[in-house]
């Protein structure tokens, strides 16, 4: 009986940590399809808005709309002044980064979804928040990374860093 309980506990622990490991590897896919994304990600399949990411101290950090995919144009990382240092720093010289803002109208769990395995920090003022969950929603979609944050109403900042190229697709949505 004790062995059965221990085996069940191990199985539950592995199932809970699987999303963390899933974000690291992109499975081999015959084709990528976003047709079966959850309802809160419907905006991912609509035309994206182009947004130029900002930097701390720049004239304004652009605000992105919830539930709407944005093509975020990033800057060379060396030109970006972060609110707080990114929790993970990638030293690639060609790395790109930037800041965005978003407003939360109601308390809930919000997903930050990205098309590339960038480093994402969500800030409340000058405090980096810990994600409630992270990983991938499903293999073989164009969404490579998802972080979930439990947020109260207010204004938040997203810091993107460690991107190899100058752009990334990003969307913030309220999880049902």
C-alpha atoms as a PDB file:
ATOM      1  CA  UNK A   1       0.000   0.000   0.000  1.00  0.00           C
ATOM      2  CA  UNK A   2       2.812   2.407   0.905  1.00  0.00           C
ATOM      3  CA  UNK A   3       4.549   1.676  -2.411  1.00  0.00           C
ATOM      4  CA  UNK A   4       1.346   2.420  -4.333  1.00  0.00           C
ATOM      5  CA  UNK A   5       0.942   5.775  -2.546  1.00  0.00           C
ATOM      6  CA  UNK A   6       4.610   6.652  -3.187  1.00  0.00           C
ATOM      7  CA  UNK A   7       4.269   5.711  -6.874  1.00  0.00           C
ATOM      8  CA  UNK A   8       1.127   7.866  -7.179  1.00  0.00           C
ATOM      9  CA  UNK A   9       2.868  10.804  -5.504  1.00  0.00           C
ATOM     10  CA  UNK A  10       5.840  10.464  -7.863  1.00  0.00           C
ATOM     11  CA  UNK A  11       3.519  10.309 -10.871  1.00  0.00           C
ATOM     12  CA  UNK A  12       1.693  13.462  -9.774  1.00  0.00           C
ATOM     13  CA  UNK A  13       5.000  15.280  -9.172  1.00  0.00           C
ATOM     14  CA  UNK A  14       6.262  14.324 -12.625  1.00  0.00           C
ATOM     15  CA  UNK A  15       3.018  15.420 -14.261  1.00  0.00           C
ATOM     16  CA  UNK A  16       3.182  18.798 -12.530  1.00  0.00           C
ATOM     17  CA  UNK A  17       6.787  19.440 -13.565  1.00  0.00           C
ATOM     18  CA  UNK A  18       6.334  18.271 -17.165  1.00  0.00           C
ATOM     19  CA  UNK A  19       5.291  21.731 -18.473  1.00  0.00           C
ATOM     20  CA  UNK A  20       8.531  23.227 -17.155  1.00  0.00           C
ATOM     21  CA  UNK A  21      10.587  20.734 -19.116  1.00  0.00           C
ATOM     22  CA  UNK A  22       8.347  20.916 -22.189  1.00  0.00           C
ATOM     23  CA  UNK A  23       9.258  24.546 -22.818  1.00  0.00           C
ATOM     24  CA  UNK A  24      12.864  23.597 -23.373  1.00  0.00           C
ATOM     25  CA  UNK A  25      12.373  21.285 -26.335  1.00  0.00           C
ATOM     26  CA  UNK A  26      10.581  21.855 -29.612  1.00  0.00           C
ATOM     27  CA  UNK A  27       9.211  18.512 -30.796  1.00  0.00           C
ATOM     28  CA  UNK A  28       9.734  17.469 -34.381  1.00  0.00           C
ATOM     29  CA  UNK A  29       6.523  18.422 -36.154  1.00  0.00           C
ATOM     30  CA  UNK A  30       5.383  17.493 -39.623  1.00  0.00           C
ATOM     31  CA  UNK A  31       3.540  20.816 -39.673  1.00  0.00           C
ATOM     32  CA  UNK A  32       2.723  23.646 -37.276  1.00  0.00           C
ATOM     33  CA  UNK A  33      -0.949  24.477 -36.720  1.00  0.00           C
ATOM     34  CA  UNK A  34      -2.641  27.015 -34.443  1.00  0.00           C
ATOM     35  CA  UNK A  35      -6.188  25.829 -35.213  1.00  0.00           C
ATOM     36  CA  UNK A  36      -6.781  24.172 -31.836  1.00  0.00           C
ATOM     37  CA  UNK A  37      -5.555  26.846 -29.446  1.00  0.00           C
ATOM     38  CA  UNK A  38      -7.601  27.499 -26.282  1.00  0.00           C
ATOM     39  CA  UNK A  39     -10.386  30.100 -26.561  1.00  0.00           C
ATOM     40  CA  UNK A  40      -8.406  32.779 -24.691  1.00  0.00           C
ATOM     41  CA  UNK A  41      -5.822  32.634 -27.493  1.00  0.00           C
ATOM     42  CA  UNK A  42      -8.246  33.261 -30.383  1.00  0.00           C
ATOM     43  CA  UNK A  43      -6.475  36.579 -30.967  1.00  0.00           C
ATOM     44  CA  UNK A  44      -3.292  34.702 -31.886  1.00  0.00           C
ATOM     45  CA  UNK A  45      -4.823  33.775 -35.244  1.00  0.00           C
ATOM     46  CA  UNK A  46      -5.902  37.312 -36.121  1.00  0.00           C
ATOM     47  CA  UNK A  47      -3.639  39.864 -37.861  1.00  0.00           C
ATOM     48  CA  UNK A  48      -0.975  41.137 -35.481  1.00  0.00           C
ATOM     49  CA  UNK A  49      -0.410  44.725 -34.482  1.00  0.00           C
ATOM     50  CA  UNK A  50       3.174  45.996 -34.924  1.00  0.00           C
ATOM     51  CA  UNK A  51       4.642  47.479 -31.740  1.00  0.00           C
ATOM     52  CA  UNK A  52       8.086  48.983 -31.222  1.00  0.00           C
ATOM     53  CA  UNK A  53       9.336  47.874 -27.780  1.00  0.00           C
ATOM     54  CA  UNK A  54      10.616  50.603 -25.510  1.00  0.00           C
ATOM     55  CA  UNK A  55      13.332  51.057 -22.946  1.00  0.00           C
ATOM     56  CA  UNK A  56      13.285  52.442 -19.417  1.00  0.00           C
ATOM     57  CA  UNK A  57      13.706  56.174 -19.592  1.00  0.00           C
ATOM     58  CA  UNK A  58      12.538  56.380 -23.218  1.00  0.00           C
ATOM     59  CA  UNK A  59       9.692  58.756 -24.027  1.00  0.00           C
ATOM     60  CA  UNK A  60       7.075  56.053 -23.455  1.00  0.00           C
ATOM     61  CA  UNK A  61       6.884  52.324 -23.042  1.00  0.00           C
ATOM     62  CA  UNK A  62       4.157  51.196 -25.483  1.00  0.00           C
ATOM     63  CA  UNK A  63       1.026  49.559 -24.108  1.00  0.00           C
ATOM     64  CA  UNK A  64      -0.215  46.374 -25.773  1.00  0.00           C
ATOM     65  CA  UNK A  65      -3.864  45.345 -25.875  1.00  0.00           C
ATOM     66  CA  UNK A  66      -5.007  42.189 -24.128  1.00  0.00           C
ATOM     67  CA  UNK A  67      -6.111  39.212 -26.242  1.00  0.00           C
ATOM     68  CA  UNK A  68      -4.468  40.659 -29.367  1.00  0.00           C
ATOM     69  CA  UNK A  69      -1.260  39.272 -30.882  1.00  0.00           C
ATOM     70  CA  UNK A  70       1.485  41.824 -31.383  1.00  0.00           C
ATOM     71  CA  UNK A  71       4.578  41.646 -33.551  1.00  0.00           C
ATOM     72  CA  UNK A  72       7.058  43.229 -31.175  1.00  0.00           C
ATOM     73  CA  UNK A  73      10.047  44.966 -32.755  1.00  0.00           C
ATOM     74  CA  UNK A  74      12.936  44.680 -30.313  1.00  0.00           C
ATOM     75  CA  UNK A  75      16.118  46.704 -29.933  1.00  0.00           C
ATOM     76  CA  UNK A  76      19.691  45.481 -29.573  1.00  0.00           C
ATOM     77  CA  UNK A  77      19.939  44.434 -25.906  1.00  0.00           C
ATOM     78  CA  UNK A  78      22.867  46.756 -25.264  1.00  0.00           C
ATOM     79  CA  UNK A  79      20.593  49.730 -26.065  1.00  0.00           C
ATOM     80  CA  UNK A  80      17.835  48.713 -23.626  1.00  0.00           C
ATOM     81  CA  UNK A  81      17.669  50.036 -20.078  1.00  0.00           C
ATOM     82  CA  UNK A  82      15.690  47.535 -17.998  1.00  0.00           C
ATOM     83  CA  UNK A  83      13.541  48.409 -14.976  1.00  0.00           C
ATOM     84  CA  UNK A  84      15.212  45.532 -13.110  1.00  0.00           C
ATOM     85  CA  UNK A  85      17.967  43.304 -14.480  1.00  0.00           C
ATOM     86  CA  UNK A  86      16.432  40.306 -16.289  1.00  0.00           C
ATOM     87  CA  UNK A  87      16.394  37.247 -14.073  1.00  0.00           C
ATOM     88  CA  UNK A  88      18.214  35.336 -16.797  1.00  0.00           C
ATOM     89  CA  UNK A  89      20.785  37.096 -18.945  1.00  0.00           C
ATOM     90  CA  UNK A  90      21.856  35.628 -22.262  1.00  0.00           C
ATOM     91  CA  UNK A  91      25.221  36.941 -23.325  1.00  0.00           C
ATOM     92  CA  UNK A  92      24.766  36.607 -27.078  1.00  0.00           C
ATOM     93  CA  UNK A  93      26.009  39.769 -28.778  1.00  0.00           C
ATOM     94  CA  UNK A  94      23.134  39.617 -31.250  1.00  0.00           C
ATOM     95  CA  UNK A  95      20.535  39.452 -28.469  1.00  0.00           C
ATOM     96  CA  UNK A  96      17.495  41.735 -28.714  1.00  0.00           C
ATOM     97  CA  UNK A  97      15.246  43.059 -25.960  1.00  0.00           C
ATOM     98  CA  UNK A  98      12.598  45.610 -25.046  1.00  0.00           C
ATOM     99  CA  UNK A  99       9.842  46.716 -22.691  1.00  0.00           C
ATOM    100  CA  UNK A 100       6.059  46.774 -23.091  1.00  0.00           C
ATOM    101  CA  UNK A 101       3.233  47.724 -20.758  1.00  0.00           C
ATOM    102  CA  UNK A 102      -0.252  46.274 -20.329  1.00  0.00           C
ATOM    103  CA  UNK A 103      -3.293  46.993 -18.184  1.00  0.00           C
ATOM    104  CA  UNK A 104      -5.234  44.371 -16.245  1.00  0.00           C
ATOM    105  CA  UNK A 105      -8.911  45.338 -15.845  1.00  0.00           C
ATOM    106  CA  UNK A 106      -9.888  42.449 -13.534  1.00  0.00           C
ATOM    107  CA  UNK A 107      -8.099  40.046 -11.218  1.00  0.00           C
ATOM    108  CA  UNK A 108      -7.280  36.660 -12.695  1.00  0.00           C
ATOM    109  CA  UNK A 109      -4.640  34.435 -14.218  1.00  0.00           C
ATOM    110  CA  UNK A 110      -3.078  36.014 -17.303  1.00  0.00           C
ATOM    111  CA  UNK A 111      -1.056  34.177 -19.948  1.00  0.00           C
ATOM    112  CA  UNK A 112       1.928  35.751 -21.663  1.00  0.00           C
ATOM    113  CA  UNK A 113       2.445  33.747 -24.871  1.00  0.00           C
ATOM    114  CA  UNK A 114       5.463  34.125 -27.168  1.00  0.00           C
ATOM    115  CA  UNK A 115       6.473  32.714 -30.547  1.00  0.00           C
ATOM    116  CA  UNK A 116      10.100  32.244 -29.483  1.00  0.00           C
ATOM    117  CA  UNK A 117      11.832  30.956 -26.343  1.00  0.00           C
ATOM    118  CA  UNK A 118      12.644  34.489 -25.140  1.00  0.00           C
ATOM    119  CA  UNK A 119      13.186  35.399 -21.510  1.00  0.00           C
ATOM    120  CA  UNK A 120      10.118  37.192 -20.131  1.00  0.00           C
ATOM    121  CA  UNK A 121       9.841  39.082 -16.857  1.00  0.00           C
ATOM    122  CA  UNK A 122       6.527  40.607 -15.743  1.00  0.00           C
ATOM    123  CA  UNK A 123       6.958  43.517 -13.356  1.00  0.00           C
ATOM    124  CA  UNK A 124       4.640  45.206 -10.899  1.00  0.00           C
ATOM    125  CA  UNK A 125       6.370  48.572 -10.558  1.00  0.00           C
ATOM    126  CA  UNK A 126      10.000  47.654  -9.969  1.00  0.00           C
ATOM    127  CA  UNK A 127       9.301  44.151  -8.622  1.00  0.00           C
ATOM    128  CA  UNK A 128       9.640  41.054 -10.829  1.00  0.00           C
ATOM    129  CA  UNK A 129       6.745  38.644 -10.341  1.00  0.00           C
ATOM    130  CA  UNK A 130       7.115  34.890 -10.180  1.00  0.00           C
ATOM    131  CA  UNK A 131       5.016  32.976 -12.723  1.00  0.00           C
ATOM    132  CA  UNK A 132       2.289  30.712 -11.358  1.00  0.00           C
ATOM    133  CA  UNK A 133       3.039  28.285 -14.221  1.00  0.00           C
ATOM    134  CA  UNK A 134       5.096  28.084 -17.398  1.00  0.00           C
ATOM    135  CA  UNK A 135       5.638  25.783 -20.334  1.00  0.00           C
ATOM    136  CA  UNK A 136       3.953  25.089 -23.676  1.00  0.00           C
ATOM    137  CA  UNK A 137       0.250  24.778 -24.327  1.00  0.00           C
ATOM    138  CA  UNK A 138       0.534  22.131 -26.989  1.00  0.00           C
ATOM    139  CA  UNK A 139       3.251  20.785 -29.270  1.00  0.00           C
ATOM    140  CA  UNK A 140       3.403  21.807 -32.909  1.00  0.00           C
ATOM    141  CA  UNK A 141       1.892  25.294 -32.523  1.00  0.00           C
ATOM    142  CA  UNK A 142       3.665  28.561 -33.263  1.00  0.00           C
ATOM    143  CA  UNK A 143       3.500  29.447 -29.560  1.00  0.00           C
ATOM    144  CA  UNK A 144       6.840  28.390 -28.110  1.00  0.00           C
ATOM    145  CA  UNK A 145       6.520  29.708 -24.560  1.00  0.00           C
ATOM    146  CA  UNK A 146       3.687  30.494 -22.151  1.00  0.00           C
ATOM    147  CA  UNK A 147       3.917  31.967 -18.674  1.00  0.00           C
ATOM    148  CA  UNK A 148       0.939  32.413 -16.350  1.00  0.00           C
ATOM    149  CA  UNK A 149       0.697  35.128 -13.702  1.00  0.00           C
ATOM    150  CA  UNK A 150      -1.967  35.731 -11.051  1.00  0.00           C
ATOM    151  CA  UNK A 151      -2.565  39.471 -11.370  1.00  0.00           C
ATOM    152  CA  UNK A 152      -4.694  42.108  -9.667  1.00  0.00           C
ATOM    153  CA  UNK A 153      -6.093  45.074 -11.609  1.00  0.00           C
ATOM    154  CA  UNK A 154      -3.389  47.575 -12.535  1.00  0.00           C
ATOM    155  CA  UNK A 155      -0.554  48.387 -14.933  1.00  0.00           C
ATOM    156  CA  UNK A 156       2.309  45.945 -15.507  1.00  0.00           C
ATOM    157  CA  UNK A 157       5.525  45.921 -17.516  1.00  0.00           C
ATOM    158  CA  UNK A 158       6.809  43.048 -19.643  1.00  0.00           C
ATOM    159  CA  UNK A 159      10.568  42.836 -20.126  1.00  0.00           C
ATOM    160  CA  UNK A 160      11.625  40.704 -23.088  1.00  0.00           C
ATOM    161  CA  UNK A 161      15.263  39.691 -23.407  1.00  0.00           C
ATOM    162  CA  UNK A 162      17.470  37.041 -24.944  1.00  0.00           C
ATOM    163  CA  UNK A 163      15.864  37.034 -28.383  1.00  0.00           C
ATOM    164  CA  UNK A 164      18.212  36.101 -31.225  1.00  0.00           C
ATOM    165  CA  UNK A 165      16.416  38.327 -33.752  1.00  0.00           C
ATOM    166  CA  UNK A 166      14.765  41.727 -33.827  1.00  0.00           C
ATOM    167  CA  UNK A 167      11.152  40.583 -33.426  1.00  0.00           C
ATOM    168  CA  UNK A 168       8.865  38.191 -31.569  1.00  0.00           C
ATOM    169  CA  UNK A 169       5.114  37.522 -31.585  1.00  0.00           C
ATOM    170  CA  UNK A 170       3.572  38.114 -28.165  1.00  0.00           C
ATOM    171  CA  UNK A 171       0.081  38.018 -26.677  1.00  0.00           C
ATOM    172  CA  UNK A 172      -1.291  38.572 -23.182  1.00  0.00           C
ATOM    173  CA  UNK A 173      -4.681  37.029 -22.394  1.00  0.00           C
ATOM    174  CA  UNK A 174      -6.948  36.265 -19.454  1.00  0.00           C
ATOM    175  CA  UNK A 175      -7.057  32.532 -18.834  1.00  0.00           C
ATOM    176  CA  UNK A 176     -10.626  31.229 -18.599  1.00  0.00           C
END
